[in-house]
PDB file of N, CA and C in Angstrom:
ATOM      1  N   MET A   1     160.538  84.878 113.246  1.00  0.00           N
ATOM      2  CA  MET A   1     161.166  84.938 114.565  1.00  0.00           C
ATOM      3  C   MET A   1     161.873  86.280 114.750  1.00  0.00           C
ATOM      4  N   PRO A   2     161.775  86.844 115.941  1.00  0.00           N
ATOM      5  CA  PRO A   2     162.482  88.104 116.213  1.00  0.00           C
ATOM      6  C   PRO A   2     163.991  87.911 116.149  1.00  0.00           C
ATOM      7  N   ARG A   3     164.648  88.926 115.667  1.00  0.00           N
ATOM      8  CA  ARG A   3     166.110  88.919 115.591  1.00  0.00           C
ATOM      9  C   ARG A   3     166.643  90.205 116.206  1.00  0.00           C
ATOM     10  N   LEU A   4     167.898  90.187 116.592  1.00  0.00           N
ATOM     11  CA  LEU A   4     168.518  91.387 117.148  1.00  0.00           C
ATOM     12  C   LEU A   4     168.623  92.494 116.114  1.00  0.00           C
ATOM     13  N   THR A   5     168.648  92.141 114.838  1.00  0.00           N
ATOM     14  CA  THR A   5     168.715  93.169 113.798  1.00  0.00           C
ATOM     15  C   THR A   5     167.451  94.031 113.780  1.00  0.00           C
ATOM     16  N   TYR A   6     166.374  93.522 114.349  1.00  0.00           N
ATOM     17  CA  TYR A   6     165.143  94.300 114.443  1.00  0.00           C
ATOM     18  C   TYR A   6     165.357  95.565 115.272  1.00  0.00           C
ATOM     19  N   LEU A   7     166.267  95.512 116.212  1.00  0.00           N
ATOM     20  CA  LEU A   7     166.520  96.654 117.098  1.00  0.00           C
ATOM     21  C   LEU A   7     167.429  97.699 116.475  1.00  0.00           C
ATOM     22  N   LYS A   8     167.940  97.410 115.284  1.00  0.00           N
ATOM     23  CA  LYS A   8     168.862  98.341 114.623  1.00  0.00           C
ATOM     24  C   LYS A   8     168.151  99.668 114.334  1.00  0.00           C
ATOM     25  N   GLY A   9     168.766 100.742 114.730  1.00  0.00           N
ATOM     26  CA  GLY A   9     168.226 102.070 114.494  1.00  0.00           C
ATOM     27  C   GLY A   9     167.396 102.615 115.649  1.00  0.00           C
ATOM     28  N   ILE A  10     167.000 101.770 116.567  1.00  0.00           N
ATOM     29  CA  ILE A  10     166.209 102.236 117.711  1.00  0.00           C
ATOM     30  C   ILE A  10     167.149 102.890 118.719  1.00  0.00           C
ATOM     31  N   SER A  11     166.814 104.104 119.097  1.00  0.00           N
ATOM     32  CA  SER A  11     167.622 104.816 120.079  1.00  0.00           C
ATOM     33  C   SER A  11     166.703 105.403 121.145  1.00  0.00           C
ATOM     34  N   LEU A  12     167.295 105.992 122.139  1.00  0.00           N
ATOM     35  CA  LEU A  12     166.515 106.618 123.204  1.00  0.00           C
ATOM     36  C   LEU A  12     165.660 107.768 122.659  1.00  0.00           C
ATOM     37  N   LYS A  13     166.120 108.375 121.595  1.00  0.00           N
ATOM     38  CA  LYS A  13     165.378 109.477 120.973  1.00  0.00           C
ATOM     39  C   LYS A  13     164.077 109.004 120.332  1.00  0.00           C
ATOM     40  N   THR A  14     164.058 107.799 119.800  1.00  0.00           N
ATOM     41  CA  THR A  14     162.878 107.306 119.081  1.00  0.00           C
ATOM     42  C   THR A  14     161.856 106.628 119.983  1.00  0.00           C
ATOM     43  N   ILE A  15     162.199 106.417 121.233  1.00  0.00           N
ATOM     44  CA  ILE A  15     161.282 105.742 122.166  1.00  0.00           C
ATOM     45  C   ILE A  15     160.385 106.772 122.846  1.00  0.00           C
ATOM     46  N   PRO A  16     159.059 106.590 122.750  1.00  0.00           N
ATOM     47  CA  PRO A  16     158.142 107.528 123.425  1.00  0.00           C
ATOM     48  C   PRO A  16     158.130 107.305 124.935  1.00  0.00           C
ATOM     49  N   LYS A  17     158.781 108.188 125.670  1.00  0.00           N
ATOM     50  CA  LYS A  17     158.987 107.992 127.109  1.00  0.00           C
ATOM     51  C   LYS A  17     157.707 108.136 127.929  1.00  0.00           C
ATOM     52  N   ARG A  18     156.891 109.136 127.631  1.00  0.00           N
ATOM     53  CA  ARG A  18     155.647 109.334 128.382  1.00  0.00           C
ATOM     54  C   ARG A  18     154.705 108.152 128.159  1.00  0.00           C
ATOM     55  N   LEU A  19     154.642 107.683 126.938  1.00  0.00           N
ATOM     56  CA  LEU A  19     153.813 106.531 126.619  1.00  0.00           C
ATOM     57  C   LEU A  19     154.313 105.279 127.341  1.00  0.00           C
ATOM     58  N   PHE A  20     155.633 105.150 127.448  1.00  0.00           N
ATOM     59  CA  PHE A  20     156.230 104.031 128.161  1.00  0.00           C
ATOM     60  C   PHE A  20     155.777 104.024 129.619  1.00  0.00           C
ATOM     61  N   VAL A  21     155.870 105.160 130.280  1.00  0.00           N
ATOM     62  CA  VAL A  21     155.491 105.258 131.696  1.00  0.00           C
ATOM     63  C   VAL A  21     153.999 104.990 131.884  1.00  0.00           C
ATOM     64  N   MET A  22     153.178 105.577 130.999  1.00  0.00           N
ATOM     65  CA  MET A  22     151.732 105.361 131.122  1.00  0.00           C
ATOM     66  C   MET A  22     151.363 103.899 130.920  1.00  0.00           C
ATOM     67  N   ASN A  23     152.010 103.233 129.973  1.00  0.00           N
ATOM     68  CA  ASN A  23     151.688 101.837 129.732  1.00  0.00           C
ATOM     69  C   ASN A  23     152.175 100.935 130.866  1.00  0.00           C
ATOM     70  N   VAL A  24     153.271 101.297 131.507  1.00  0.00           N
ATOM     71  CA  VAL A  24     153.716 100.548 132.694  1.00  0.00           C
ATOM     72  C   VAL A  24     152.638 100.613 133.773  1.00  0.00           C
ATOM     73  N   ILE A  25     152.101 101.803 134.001  1.00  0.00           N
ATOM     74  CA  ILE A  25     151.087 101.978 135.047  1.00  0.00           C
ATOM     75  C   ILE A  25     149.798 101.237 134.693  1.00  0.00           C
ATOM     76  N   VAL A  26     149.336 101.383 133.454  1.00  0.00           N
ATOM     77  CA  VAL A  26     148.099 100.711 133.038  1.00  0.00           C
ATOM     78  C   VAL A  26     148.263  99.193 133.078  1.00  0.00           C
ATOM     79  N   SER A  27     149.411  98.703 132.641  1.00  0.00           N
ATOM     80  CA  SER A  27     149.657  97.251 132.687  1.00  0.00           C
ATOM     81  C   SER A  27     149.686  96.741 134.121  1.00  0.00           C
ATOM     82  N   ALA A  28     150.252  97.532 135.023  1.00  0.00           N
ATOM     83  CA  ALA A  28     150.282  97.138 136.434  1.00  0.00           C
ATOM     84  C   ALA A  28     148.870  97.071 137.003  1.00  0.00           C
ATOM     85  N   VAL A  29     148.031  98.036 136.649  1.00  0.00           N
ATOM     86  CA  VAL A  29     146.645  98.030 137.136  1.00  0.00           C
ATOM     87  C   VAL A  29     145.895  96.820 136.585  1.00  0.00           C
ATOM     88  N   PHE A  30     146.073  96.531 135.293  1.00  0.00           N
ATOM     89  CA  PHE A  30     145.439  95.349 134.709  1.00  0.00           C
ATOM     90  C   PHE A  30     145.870  94.075 135.429  1.00  0.00           C
ATOM     91  N   THR A  31     147.158  93.950 135.666  1.00  0.00           N
ATOM     92  CA  THR A  31     147.693  92.731 136.266  1.00  0.00           C
ATOM     93  C   THR A  31     147.226  92.546 137.703  1.00  0.00           C
ATOM     94  N   VAL A  32     147.176  93.622 138.453  1.00  0.00           N
ATOM     95  CA  VAL A  32     146.873  93.520 139.873  1.00  0.00           C
ATOM     96  C   VAL A  32     145.371  93.539 140.153  1.00  0.00           C
ATOM     97  N   GLY A  33     144.563  93.962 139.192  1.00  0.00           N
ATOM     98  CA  GLY A  33     143.134  94.157 139.417  1.00  0.00           C
ATOM     99  C   GLY A  33     142.401  92.954 139.971  1.00  0.00           C
ATOM    100  N   VAL A  34     142.435  91.848 139.272  1.00  0.00           N
ATOM    101  CA  VAL A  34     141.675  90.666 139.690  1.00  0.00           C
ATOM    102  C   VAL A  34     142.272  90.043 140.950  1.00  0.00           C
ATOM    103  N   LEU A  35     143.587  89.886 140.956  1.00  0.00           N
ATOM    104  CA  LEU A  35     144.220  89.208 142.090  1.00  0.00           C
ATOM    105  C   LEU A  35     144.074  89.987 143.396  1.00  0.00           C
ATOM    106  N   SER A  36     144.199  91.303 143.319  1.00  0.00           N
ATOM    107  CA  SER A  36     144.069  92.089 144.553  1.00  0.00           C
ATOM    108  C   SER A  36     142.644  92.052 145.093  1.00  0.00           C
ATOM    109  N   SER A  37     141.660  92.015 144.216  1.00  0.00           N
ATOM    110  CA  SER A  37     140.281  91.952 144.712  1.00  0.00           C
ATOM    111  C   SER A  37     139.974  90.582 145.315  1.00  0.00           C
ATOM    112  N   ILE A  38     140.534  89.535 144.760  1.00  0.00           N
ATOM    113  CA  ILE A  38     140.340  88.198 145.353  1.00  0.00           C
ATOM    114  C   ILE A  38     141.007  88.133 146.726  1.00  0.00           C
ATOM    115  N   TYR A  39     142.235  88.635 146.802  1.00  0.00           N
ATOM    116  CA  TYR A  39     142.937  88.624 148.084  1.00  0.00           C
ATOM    117  C   TYR A  39     142.242  89.541 149.091  1.00  0.00           C
ATOM    118  N   ALA A  40     141.720  90.657 148.626  1.00  0.00           N
ATOM    119  CA  ALA A  40     141.018  91.591 149.522  1.00  0.00           C
ATOM    120  C   ALA A  40     139.775  90.939 150.108  1.00  0.00           C
ATOM    121  N   SER A  41     139.135  90.058 149.359  1.00  0.00           N
ATOM    122  CA  SER A  41     137.941  89.390 149.890  1.00  0.00           C
ATOM    123  C   SER A  41     138.289  88.478 151.067  1.00  0.00           C
ATOM    124  N   MET A  42     139.540  88.078 151.168  1.00  0.00           N
ATOM    125  CA  MET A  42     139.983  87.270 152.309  1.00  0.00           C
ATOM    126  C   MET A  42     140.340  88.144 153.514  1.00  0.00           C
ATOM    127  N   LEU A  43     140.563  89.423 153.279  1.00  0.00           N
ATOM    128  CA  LEU A  43     140.993  90.316 154.353  1.00  0.00           C
ATOM    129  C   LEU A  43     139.840  90.937 155.127  1.00  0.00           C
ATOM    130  N   VAL A  44     138.644  90.933 154.560  1.00  0.00           N
ATOM    131  CA  VAL A  44     137.510  91.623 155.167  1.00  0.00           C
ATOM    132  C   VAL A  44     136.506  90.613 155.715  1.00  0.00           C
ATOM    133  N   PRO A  45     135.602  91.078 156.567  1.00  0.00           N
ATOM    134  CA  PRO A  45     134.542  90.178 157.041  1.00  0.00           C
ATOM    135  C   PRO A  45     133.689  89.676 155.863  1.00  0.00           C
ATOM    136  N   LYS A  46     133.011  88.570 156.090  1.00  0.00           N
ATOM    137  CA  LYS A  46     132.234  87.935 155.024  1.00  0.00           C
ATOM    138  C   LYS A  46     131.167  88.848 154.428  1.00  0.00           C
ATOM    139  N   ASP A  47     130.718  89.828 155.187  1.00  0.00           N
ATOM    140  CA  ASP A  47     129.695  90.748 154.676  1.00  0.00           C
ATOM    141  C   ASP A  47     130.185  91.544 153.469  1.00  0.00           C
ATOM    142  N   TYR A  48     131.488  91.816 153.427  1.00  0.00           N
ATOM    143  CA  TYR A  48     132.049  92.651 152.371  1.00  0.00           C
ATOM    144  C   TYR A  48     132.739  91.836 151.279  1.00  0.00           C
ATOM    145  N   ALA A  49     132.866  90.549 151.454  1.00  0.00           N
ATOM    146  CA  ALA A  49     133.626  89.722 150.513  1.00  0.00           C
ATOM    147  C   ALA A  49     133.048  89.766 149.105  1.00  0.00           C
ATOM    148  N   GLN A  50     131.741  89.774 148.997  1.00  0.00           N
ATOM    149  CA  GLN A  50     131.105  89.822 147.677  1.00  0.00           C
ATOM    150  C   GLN A  50     131.455  91.131 146.958  1.00  0.00           C
ATOM    151  N   ALA A  51     131.443  92.223 147.671  1.00  0.00           N
ATOM    152  CA  ALA A  51     131.795  93.519 147.084  1.00  0.00           C
ATOM    153  C   ALA A  51     133.247  93.539 146.630  1.00  0.00           C
ATOM    154  N   GLU A  52     134.096  92.901 147.409  1.00  0.00           N
ATOM    155  CA  GLU A  52     135.512  92.833 147.049  1.00  0.00           C
ATOM    156  C   GLU A  52     135.703  92.079 145.739  1.00  0.00           C
ATOM    157  N   LEU A  53     135.042  90.946 145.622  1.00  0.00           N
ATOM    158  CA  LEU A  53     135.187  90.143 144.406  1.00  0.00           C
ATOM    159  C   LEU A  53     134.653  90.873 143.182  1.00  0.00           C
ATOM    160  N   MET A  54     133.613  91.643 143.360  1.00  0.00           N
ATOM    161  CA  MET A  54     133.023  92.361 142.236  1.00  0.00           C
ATOM    162  C   MET A  54     133.840  93.594 141.849  1.00  0.00           C
ATOM    163  N   SER A  55     134.706  94.048 142.713  1.00  0.00           N
ATOM    164  CA  SER A  55     135.473  95.265 142.419  1.00  0.00           C
ATOM    165  C   SER A  55     136.526  95.058 141.337  1.00  0.00           C
ATOM    166  N   SER A  56     136.877  93.825 141.021  1.00  0.00           N
ATOM    167  CA  SER A  56     137.879  93.594 139.981  1.00  0.00           C
ATOM    168  C   SER A  56     137.394  94.111 138.632  1.00  0.00           C
ATOM    169  N   GLY A  57     136.101  94.001 138.378  1.00  0.00           N
ATOM    170  CA  GLY A  57     135.555  94.528 137.125  1.00  0.00           C
ATOM    171  C   GLY A  57     135.688  96.033 137.028  1.00  0.00           C
ATOM    172  N   ILE A  58     135.516  96.710 138.146  1.00  0.00           N
ATOM    173  CA  ILE A  58     135.656  98.167 138.164  1.00  0.00           C
ATOM    174  C   ILE A  58     137.113  98.558 137.932  1.00  0.00           C
ATOM    175  N   ILE A  59     138.020  97.856 138.588  1.00  0.00           N
ATOM    176  CA  ILE A  59     139.444  98.146 138.444  1.00  0.00           C
ATOM    177  C   ILE A  59     139.885  97.931 136.999  1.00  0.00           C
ATOM    178  N   ASN A  60     139.521  96.794 136.419  1.00  0.00           N
ATOM    179  CA  ASN A  60     139.914  96.519 135.042  1.00  0.00           C
ATOM    180  C   ASN A  60     139.176  97.421 134.055  1.00  0.00           C
ATOM    181  N   GLY A  61     137.972  97.839 134.399  1.00  0.00           N
ATOM    182  CA  GLY A  61     137.253  98.784 133.548  1.00  0.00           C
ATOM    183  C   GLY A  61     137.961 100.122 133.477  1.00  0.00           C
ATOM    184  N   ILE A  62     138.462 100.585 134.610  1.00  0.00           N
ATOM    185  CA  ILE A  62     139.215 101.844 134.636  1.00  0.00           C
ATOM    186  C   ILE A  62     140.497 101.705 133.818  1.00  0.00           C
ATOM    187  N   ALA A  63     141.171 100.576 133.963  1.00  0.00           N
ATOM    188  CA  ALA A  63     142.395 100.349 133.186  1.00  0.00           C
ATOM    189  C   ALA A  63     142.088 100.283 131.690  1.00  0.00           C
ATOM    190  N   THR A  64     140.977  99.692 131.319  1.00  0.00           N
ATOM    191  CA  THR A  64     140.586  99.622 129.907  1.00  0.00           C
ATOM    192  C   THR A  64     140.307 101.004 129.353  1.00  0.00           C
ATOM    193  N   ILE A  65     139.630 101.838 130.132  1.00  0.00           N
ATOM    194  CA  ILE A  65     139.353 103.205 129.692  1.00  0.00           C
ATOM    195  C   ILE A  65     140.653 103.982 129.510  1.00  0.00           C
ATOM    196  N   LEU A  66     141.575 103.844 130.447  1.00  0.00           N
ATOM    197  CA  LEU A  66     142.871 104.517 130.322  1.00  0.00           C
ATOM    198  C   LEU A  66     143.620 104.041 129.088  1.00  0.00           C
ATOM    199  N   LEU A  67     143.593 102.742 128.841  1.00  0.00           N
ATOM    200  CA  LEU A  67     144.248 102.177 127.669  1.00  0.00           C
ATOM    201  C   LEU A  67     143.627 102.716 126.387  1.00  0.00           C
ATOM    202  N   THR A  68     142.306 102.763 126.347  1.00  0.00           N
ATOM    203  CA  THR A  68     141.592 103.221 125.160  1.00  0.00           C
ATOM    204  C   THR A  68     141.800 104.702 124.896  1.00  0.00           C
ATOM    205  N   LEU A  69     141.869 105.499 125.949  1.00  0.00           N
ATOM    206  CA  LEU A  69     142.002 106.946 125.770  1.00  0.00           C
ATOM    207  C   LEU A  69     143.423 107.411 125.508  1.00  0.00           C
ATOM    208  N   PHE A  70     144.404 106.784 126.144  1.00  0.00           N
ATOM    209  CA  PHE A  70     145.747 107.333 126.103  1.00  0.00           C
ATOM    210  C   PHE A  70     146.771 106.520 125.323  1.00  0.00           C
ATOM    211  N   ILE A  71     146.577 105.238 125.176  1.00  0.00           N
ATOM    212  CA  ILE A  71     147.629 104.414 124.587  1.00  0.00           C
ATOM    213  C   ILE A  71     147.283 103.931 123.184  1.00  0.00           C
ATOM    214  N   ASP A  72     146.106 103.374 122.992  1.00  0.00           N
ATOM    215  CA  ASP A  72     145.730 102.843 121.681  1.00  0.00           C
ATOM    216  C   ASP A  72     145.684 103.894 120.573  1.00  0.00           C
ATOM    217  N   PRO A  73     145.164 105.094 120.813  1.00  0.00           N
ATOM    218  CA  PRO A  73     145.141 106.083 119.720  1.00  0.00           C
ATOM    219  C   PRO A  73     146.532 106.423 119.184  1.00  0.00           C
ATOM    220  N   LYS A  74     147.519 106.407 120.048  1.00  0.00           N
ATOM    221  CA  LYS A  74     148.886 106.715 119.623  1.00  0.00           C
ATOM    222  C   LYS A  74     149.359 105.703 118.589  1.00  0.00           C
ATOM    223  N   ALA A  75     149.047 104.434 118.785  1.00  0.00           N
ATOM    224  CA  ALA A  75     149.452 103.396 117.833  1.00  0.00           C
ATOM    225  C   ALA A  75     148.772 103.600 116.486  1.00  0.00           C
ATOM    226  N   SER A  76     147.508 103.938 116.512  1.00  0.00           N
ATOM    227  CA  SER A  76     146.767 104.147 115.270  1.00  0.00           C
ATOM    228  C   SER A  76     147.316 105.333 114.488  1.00  0.00           C
ATOM    229  N   VAL A  77     147.534 106.424 115.162  1.00  0.00           N
ATOM    230  CA  VAL A  77     148.055 107.619 114.500  1.00  0.00           C
ATOM    231  C   VAL A  77     149.451 107.363 113.952  1.00  0.00           C
ATOM    232  N   LEU A  78     150.279 106.698 114.730  1.00  0.00           N
ATOM    233  CA  LEU A  78     151.636 106.408 114.292  1.00  0.00           C
ATOM    234  C   LEU A  78     151.648 105.474 113.088  1.00  0.00           C
ATOM    235  N   ALA A  79     150.817 104.450 113.104  1.00  0.00           N
ATOM    236  CA  ALA A  79     150.742 103.529 111.963  1.00  0.00           C
ATOM    237  C   ALA A  79     150.258 104.254 110.709  1.00  0.00           C
ATOM    238  N   ASP A  80     149.284 105.143 110.846  1.00  0.00           N
ATOM    239  CA  ASP A  80     148.817 105.934 109.700  1.00  0.00           C
ATOM    240  C   ASP A  80     149.919 106.829 109.147  1.00  0.00           C
ATOM    241  N   ARG A  81     150.645 107.455 110.041  1.00  0.00           N
ATOM    242  CA  ARG A  81     151.719 108.350 109.601  1.00  0.00           C
ATOM    243  C   ARG A  81     152.819 107.592 108.883  1.00  0.00           C
ATOM    244  N   VAL A  82     153.122 106.378 109.336  1.00  0.00           N
ATOM    245  CA  VAL A  82     154.146 105.569 108.674  1.00  0.00           C
ATOM    246  C   VAL A  82     153.655 105.121 107.293  1.00  0.00           C
ATOM    247  N   MET A  83     152.394 104.708 107.203  1.00  0.00           N
ATOM    248  CA  MET A  83     151.845 104.271 105.916  1.00  0.00           C
ATOM    249  C   MET A  83     151.794 105.410 104.901  1.00  0.00           C
ATOM    250  N   LYS A  84     151.552 106.633 105.365  1.00  0.00           N
ATOM    251  CA  LYS A  84     151.509 107.794 104.473  1.00  0.00           C
ATOM    252  C   LYS A  84     152.895 108.386 104.241  1.00  0.00           C
ATOM    253  N   LYS A  85     153.911 107.721 104.803  1.00  0.00           N
ATOM    254  CA  LYS A  85     155.305 108.146 104.682  1.00  0.00           C
ATOM    255  C   LYS A  85     155.553 109.547 105.263  1.00  0.00           C
ATOM    256  N   GLN A  86     154.790 109.886 106.277  1.00  0.00           N
ATOM    257  CA  GLN A  86     154.994 111.147 106.995  1.00  0.00           C
ATOM    258  C   GLN A  86     155.951 110.964 108.162  1.00  0.00           C
ATOM    259  N   CYS A  87     156.253 109.718 108.454  1.00  0.00           N
ATOM    260  CA  CYS A  87     157.080 109.372 109.616  1.00  0.00           C
ATOM    261  C   CYS A  87     157.907 108.143 109.257  1.00  0.00           C
ATOM    262  N   ASP A  88     159.080 108.024 109.825  1.00  0.00           N
ATOM    263  CA  ASP A  88     159.936 106.871 109.549  1.00  0.00           C
ATOM    264  C   ASP A  88     159.424 105.620 110.247  1.00  0.00           C
ATOM    265  N   TYR A  89     159.689 104.488 109.633  1.00  0.00           N
ATOM    266  CA  TYR A  89     159.287 103.191 110.169  1.00  0.00           C
ATOM    267  C   TYR A  89     159.958 102.903 111.510  1.00  0.00           C
ATOM    268  N   ILE A  90     161.115 103.504 111.742  1.00  0.00           N
ATOM    269  CA  ILE A  90     161.844 103.266 112.981  1.00  0.00           C
ATOM    270  C   ILE A  90     161.022 103.670 114.199  1.00  0.00           C
ATOM    271  N   TYR A  91     160.153 104.681 114.035  1.00  0.00           N
ATOM    272  CA  TYR A  91     159.321 105.109 115.159  1.00  0.00           C
ATOM    273  C   TYR A  91     158.250 104.062 115.481  1.00  0.00           C
ATOM    274  N   LEU A  92     157.755 103.386 114.481  1.00  0.00           N
ATOM    275  CA  LEU A  92     156.794 102.311 114.720  1.00  0.00           C
ATOM    276  C   LEU A  92     157.484 101.119 115.385  1.00  0.00           C
ATOM    277  N   LYS A  93     158.713 100.830 114.964  1.00  0.00           N
ATOM    278  CA  LYS A  93     159.475  99.764 115.623  1.00  0.00           C
ATOM    279  C   LYS A  93     159.768 100.133 117.081  1.00  0.00           C
ATOM    280  N   SER A  94     160.088 101.375 117.310  1.00  0.00           N
ATOM    281  CA  SER A  94     160.341 101.836 118.682  1.00  0.00           C
ATOM    282  C   SER A  94     159.083 101.744 119.525  1.00  0.00           C
ATOM    283  N   TYR A  95     157.951 102.061 118.922  1.00  0.00           N
ATOM    284  CA  TYR A  95     156.676 101.951 119.629  1.00  0.00           C
ATOM    285  C   TYR A  95     156.414 100.495 120.030  1.00  0.00           C
ATOM    286  N   SER A  96     156.674  99.576 119.117  1.00  0.00           N
ATOM    287  CA  SER A  96     156.472  98.151 119.419  1.00  0.00           C
ATOM    288  C   SER A  96     157.361  97.711 120.576  1.00  0.00           C
ATOM    289  N   LEU A  97     158.609  98.106 120.535  1.00  0.00           N
ATOM    290  CA  LEU A  97     159.531  97.767 121.618  1.00  0.00           C
ATOM    291  C   LEU A  97     159.080  98.400 122.929  1.00  0.00           C
ATOM    292  N   THR A  98     158.586  99.624 122.853  1.00  0.00           N
ATOM    293  CA  THR A  98     158.091 100.313 124.043  1.00  0.00           C
ATOM    294  C   THR A  98     156.916  99.566 124.659  1.00  0.00           C
ATOM    295  N   MET A  99     155.975  99.128 123.833  1.00  0.00           N
ATOM    296  CA  MET A  99     154.794  98.427 124.343  1.00  0.00           C
ATOM    297  C   MET A  99     155.172  97.100 124.994  1.00  0.00           C
ATOM    298  N   ILE A 100     156.067  96.360 124.364  1.00  0.00           N
ATOM    299  CA  ILE A 100     156.469  95.059 124.912  1.00  0.00           C
ATOM    300  C   ILE A 100     157.209  95.235 126.239  1.00  0.00           C
ATOM    301  N   SER A 101     158.191  96.130 126.247  1.00  0.00           N
ATOM    302  CA  SER A 101     158.984  96.295 127.469  1.00  0.00           C
ATOM    303  C   SER A 101     158.176  96.948 128.592  1.00  0.00           C
ATOM    304  N   SER A 102     157.268  97.852 128.254  1.00  0.00           N
ATOM    305  CA  SER A 102     156.482  98.491 129.312  1.00  0.00           C
ATOM    306  C   SER A 102     155.457  97.529 129.906  1.00  0.00           C
ATOM    307  N   LYS A 103     154.912  96.622 129.114  1.00  0.00           N
ATOM    308  CA  LYS A 103     154.007  95.607 129.677  1.00  0.00           C
ATOM    309  C   LYS A 103     154.767  94.672 130.616  1.00  0.00           C
ATOM    310  N   PHE A 104     155.991  94.326 130.240  1.00  0.00           N
ATOM    311  CA  PHE A 104     156.817  93.476 131.101  1.00  0.00           C
ATOM    312  C   PHE A 104     157.115  94.188 132.429  1.00  0.00           C
ATOM    313  N   LEU A 105     157.541  95.433 132.353  1.00  0.00           N
ATOM    314  CA  LEU A 105     157.834  96.182 133.583  1.00  0.00           C
ATOM    315  C   LEU A 105     156.572  96.456 134.393  1.00  0.00           C
ATOM    316  N   GLY A 106     155.437  96.643 133.713  1.00  0.00           N
ATOM    317  CA  GLY A 106     154.171  96.822 134.416  1.00  0.00           C
ATOM    318  C   GLY A 106     153.783  95.588 135.207  1.00  0.00           C
ATOM    319  N   THR A 107     154.055  94.422 134.648  1.00  0.00           N
ATOM    320  CA  THR A 107     153.768  93.172 135.352  1.00  0.00           C
ATOM    321  C   THR A 107     154.668  93.025 136.580  1.00  0.00           C
ATOM    322  N   ILE A 108     155.913  93.427 136.450  1.00  0.00           N
ATOM    323  CA  ILE A 108     156.823  93.388 137.603  1.00  0.00           C
ATOM    324  C   ILE A 108     156.384  94.402 138.662  1.00  0.00           C
ATOM    325  N   LEU A 109     155.999  95.592 138.233  1.00  0.00           N
ATOM    326  CA  LEU A 109     155.499  96.601 139.170  1.00  0.00           C
ATOM    327  C   LEU A 109     154.257  96.103 139.896  1.00  0.00           C
ATOM    328  N   ALA A 110     153.411  95.361 139.190  1.00  0.00           N
ATOM    329  CA  ALA A 110     152.192  94.826 139.805  1.00  0.00           C
ATOM    330  C   ALA A 110     152.515  93.881 140.960  1.00  0.00           C
ATOM    331  N   GLN A 111     153.627  93.179 140.867  1.00  0.00           N
ATOM    332  CA  GLN A 111     154.012  92.282 141.962  1.00  0.00           C
ATOM    333  C   GLN A 111     154.310  93.078 143.227  1.00  0.00           C
ATOM    334  N   LEU A 112     154.843  94.284 143.048  1.00  0.00           N
ATOM    335  CA  LEU A 112     155.125  95.140 144.203  1.00  0.00           C
ATOM    336  C   LEU A 112     153.855  95.805 144.746  1.00  0.00           C
ATOM    337  N   LEU A 113     152.891  96.024 143.866  1.00  0.00           N
ATOM    338  CA  LEU A 113     151.656  96.714 144.258  1.00  0.00           C
ATOM    339  C   LEU A 113     150.559  95.769 144.734  1.00  0.00           C
ATOM    340  N   PHE A 114     150.753  94.479 144.578  1.00  0.00           N
ATOM    341  CA  PHE A 114     149.695  93.503 144.839  1.00  0.00           C
ATOM    342  C   PHE A 114     149.122  93.610 146.252  1.00  0.00           C
ATOM    343  N   ILE A 115     149.946  93.501 147.268  1.00  0.00           N
ATOM    344  CA  ILE A 115     149.471  93.526 148.659  1.00  0.00           C
ATOM    345  C   ILE A 115     148.919  94.900 149.032  1.00  0.00           C
ATOM    346  N   PRO A 116     149.631  96.013 148.737  1.00  0.00           N
ATOM    347  CA  PRO A 116     149.035  97.313 149.055  1.00  0.00           C
ATOM    348  C   PRO A 116     147.708  97.549 148.329  1.00  0.00           C
ATOM    349  N   ALA A 117     147.600  97.090 147.095  1.00  0.00           N
ATOM    350  CA  ALA A 117     146.344  97.257 146.351  1.00  0.00           C
ATOM    351  C   ALA A 117     145.225  96.447 146.989  1.00  0.00           C
ATOM    352  N   ALA A 118     145.532  95.257 147.473  1.00  0.00           N
ATOM    353  CA  ALA A 118     144.513  94.436 148.136  1.00  0.00           C
ATOM    354  C   ALA A 118     144.014  95.119 149.401  1.00  0.00           C
ATOM    355  N   TYR A 119     144.916  95.686 150.171  1.00  0.00           N
ATOM    356  CA  TYR A 119     144.497  96.398 151.378  1.00  0.00           C
ATOM    357  C   TYR A 119     143.693  97.652 151.027  1.00  0.00           C
ATOM    358  N   TYR A 120     144.061  98.316 149.950  1.00  0.00           N
ATOM    359  CA  TYR A 120     143.300  99.499 149.524  1.00  0.00           C
ATOM    360  C   TYR A 120     141.895  99.109 149.091  1.00  0.00           C
ATOM    361  N   VAL A 121     141.771  98.028 148.321  1.00  0.00           N
ATOM    362  CA  VAL A 121     140.442  97.565 147.881  1.00  0.00           C
ATOM    363  C   VAL A 121     139.605  97.155 149.083  1.00  0.00           C
ATOM    364  N   ALA A 122     140.221  96.482 150.043  1.00  0.00           N
ATOM    365  CA  ALA A 122     139.503  96.060 151.250  1.00  0.00           C
ATOM    366  C   ALA A 122     139.030  97.282 152.046  1.00  0.00           C
ATOM    367  N   TRP A 123     139.913  98.254 152.198  1.00  0.00           N
ATOM    368  CA  TRP A 123     139.525  99.481 152.908  1.00  0.00           C
ATOM    369  C   TRP A 123     138.406 100.196 152.199  1.00  0.00           C
ATOM    370  N   PHE A 124     138.492 100.279 150.877  1.00  0.00           N
ATOM    371  CA  PHE A 124     137.484 100.995 150.107  1.00  0.00           C
ATOM    372  C   PHE A 124     136.116 100.323 150.207  1.00  0.00           C
ATOM    373  N   ALA A 125     136.074  98.999 150.180  1.00  0.00           N
ATOM    374  CA  ALA A 125     134.799  98.295 150.284  1.00  0.00           C
ATOM    375  C   ALA A 125     134.179  98.459 151.674  1.00  0.00           C
ATOM    376  N   GLU A 126     134.991  98.468 152.697  1.00  0.00           N
ATOM    377  CA  GLU A 126     134.456  98.671 154.047  1.00  0.00           C
ATOM    378  C   GLU A 126     134.004 100.117 154.243  1.00  0.00           C
ATOM    379  N   TRP A 127     134.680 101.053 153.597  1.00  0.00           N
ATOM    380  CA  TRP A 127     134.372 102.468 153.727  1.00  0.00           C
ATOM    381  C   TRP A 127     133.027 102.790 153.067  1.00  0.00           C
ATOM    382  N   ILE A 128     132.764 102.142 151.950  1.00  0.00           N
ATOM    383  CA  ILE A 128     131.500 102.394 151.243  1.00  0.00           C
ATOM    384  C   ILE A 128     130.421 101.658 151.956  1.00  0.00           C
TER     385      ILE A 128
END
């Protein structure tokens, strides 16, 4: 079970800020992808509804590529550096805290982006 002592030693200096922001954005895109495309299919004429529903795969595919290129490699490199004792364990703990909190904030951000994203998906499907 997690304990508050796990947070001992974590400071603002050890938290990767750029990674935090990027993961918030990627998590928001993941969260809003499917729901916005479903809602967008209700906003457009029936001719475009099928395209709207299929766009969720494209949205989540882009988010997966962003996750694979920018976020996952950082975890691998950091874990290797900690195992080789080139880096302190506190940075890996900070990374874990960063990932958890940024996914939570990304989900909250997705709630704010849900309706605008649905209108954007609807506009994009009609435009194409």
